[in-house]
């Protein structure tokens, strides 16, 4: 069922319906400890939709969960997602939000440790 939710999210994203895309990415849950790469990628996509809708606090929490799932995963797509996260966060740095600075630091550390 998680795959169906993930695919549905991609369709909603393509159609420009970010709210439904974020909801579908959030519904694409997997058993704990499994599919860490896929879970992290879905969480990053969900956070991107939330940020695009202006829900930076919600996006920050989702990005934090994504980083938690990234540790130990060796994947080019994960590294690309972490880089994308940092670029997305850069738009919000000027607001002085602590969650943004903390997430950016976590993503930077992840990228430097996963080389």
Protein backbone atom coordinates (compact mmCIF):
# COMPACT_ATOMS: atom_id res chain seq x y z
CA UNK A 1 0.00 0.00 0.00
CA UNK A 2 2.92 2.34 0.68
CA UNK A 3 3.99 2.12 -2.94
CA UNK A 4 0.49 3.12 -4.07
CA UNK A 5 0.58 6.16 -1.77
CA UNK A 6 4.03 7.14 -3.00
CA UNK A 7 3.01 6.84 -6.65
CA UNK A 8 -0.22 8.75 -6.00
CA UNK A 9 1.82 11.51 -4.38
CA UNK A 10 3.96 11.81 -7.48
CA UNK A 11 0.82 12.13 -9.64
CA UNK A 12 -0.61 14.86 -7.38
CA UNK A 13 2.78 16.61 -7.46
CA UNK A 14 2.81 16.53 -11.25
CA UNK A 15 -0.72 17.93 -11.30
CA UNK A 16 0.37 20.77 -9.02
CA UNK A 17 -1.74 19.68 -6.03
CA UNK A 18 0.94 20.05 -3.35
CA UNK A 19 -1.43 19.59 -0.42
CA UNK A 20 -2.63 16.18 -1.62
CA UNK A 21 0.90 15.23 -2.69
CA UNK A 22 2.19 15.98 0.83
CA UNK A 23 -0.66 13.97 2.35
CA UNK A 24 0.06 10.98 0.10
CA UNK A 25 3.80 11.08 0.81
CA UNK A 26 2.94 11.13 4.51
CA UNK A 27 0.65 8.13 4.12
CA UNK A 28 3.37 6.08 2.41
CA UNK A 29 4.58 4.54 5.65
CA UNK A 30 6.73 1.42 5.77
CA UNK A 31 7.53 -1.00 8.58
CA UNK A 32 10.06 0.49 11.06
CA UNK A 33 13.66 -0.25 10.14
CA UNK A 34 12.89 -1.17 6.53
CA UNK A 35 13.32 0.62 3.24
CA UNK A 36 15.24 3.51 4.84
CA UNK A 37 16.21 4.98 1.46
CA UNK A 38 12.66 4.97 0.10
CA UNK A 39 11.23 6.33 3.36
CA UNK A 40 13.80 9.13 3.42
CA UNK A 41 13.12 10.06 -0.20
CA UNK A 42 9.35 10.11 0.38
CA UNK A 43 9.84 12.28 3.49
CA UNK A 44 12.04 14.74 1.58
CA UNK A 45 9.41 14.97 -1.17
CA UNK A 46 6.70 15.49 1.45
CA UNK A 47 8.73 18.27 3.10
CA UNK A 48 9.28 19.94 -0.27
CA UNK A 49 5.51 20.04 -0.83
CA UNK A 50 4.93 21.39 2.69
CA UNK A 51 7.56 24.10 2.21
CA UNK A 52 6.11 25.05 -1.15
CA UNK A 53 2.75 25.53 0.57
CA UNK A 54 4.41 27.81 3.15
CA UNK A 55 4.32 25.37 6.08
CA UNK A 56 8.00 25.69 6.96
CA UNK A 57 7.62 24.43 10.54
CA UNK A 58 5.85 21.30 9.32
CA UNK A 59 8.38 20.90 6.51
CA UNK A 60 11.20 21.26 9.04
CA UNK A 61 9.81 18.45 11.17
CA UNK A 62 9.44 16.24 8.10
CA UNK A 63 12.97 17.03 6.87
CA UNK A 64 14.25 16.13 10.34
CA UNK A 65 12.59 12.69 10.08
CA UNK A 66 14.09 12.28 6.61
CA UNK A 67 17.61 12.94 7.91
CA UNK A 68 17.02 10.39 10.67
CA UNK A 69 16.29 7.76 7.99
CA UNK A 70 19.28 8.78 5.85
CA UNK A 71 21.98 7.74 8.32
CA UNK A 72 23.77 4.65 7.14
CA UNK A 73 22.23 4.74 3.66
CA UNK A 74 24.72 4.86 0.79
CA UNK A 75 22.86 6.21 -2.20
CA UNK A 76 23.39 8.89 -4.78
CA UNK A 77 19.69 9.74 -4.64
CA UNK A 78 19.92 10.26 -0.88
CA UNK A 79 22.93 12.57 -1.28
CA UNK A 80 21.07 14.49 -3.99
CA UNK A 81 17.98 14.76 -1.72
CA UNK A 82 20.12 16.11 1.14
CA UNK A 83 21.64 18.69 -1.20
CA UNK A 84 18.19 19.65 -2.44
CA UNK A 85 17.08 20.02 1.16
CA UNK A 86 19.92 22.45 1.85
CA UNK A 87 18.98 24.50 -1.25
CA UNK A 88 15.32 24.59 -0.19
CA UNK A 89 16.29 25.63 3.33
CA UNK A 90 18.40 28.50 2.00
CA UNK A 91 15.20 30.36 1.07
CA UNK A 92 14.20 30.42 4.75
CA UNK A 93 17.55 31.29 6.36
CA UNK A 94 16.86 35.02 6.25
CA UNK A 95 13.86 34.51 8.54
CA UNK A 96 16.22 33.51 11.36
CA UNK A 97 14.36 30.30 12.20
CA UNK A 98 16.41 28.04 14.47
CA UNK A 99 14.92 24.91 12.97
CA UNK A 100 16.24 25.96 9.56
CA UNK A 101 19.79 26.47 10.83
CA UNK A 102 19.71 23.17 12.75
CA UNK A 103 18.39 21.22 9.76
CA UNK A 104 20.91 22.79 7.43
CA UNK A 105 23.70 21.80 9.80
CA UNK A 106 22.39 18.21 10.06
CA UNK A 107 22.18 17.96 6.26
CA UNK A 108 25.68 19.43 5.88
CA UNK A 109 27.07 16.94 8.40
CA UNK A 110 25.30 14.07 6.66
CA UNK A 111 26.74 15.07 3.30
CA UNK A 112 30.26 15.40 4.68
CA UNK A 113 30.08 12.03 6.49
CA UNK A 114 28.60 10.08 3.56
CA UNK A 115 31.41 10.68 1.09
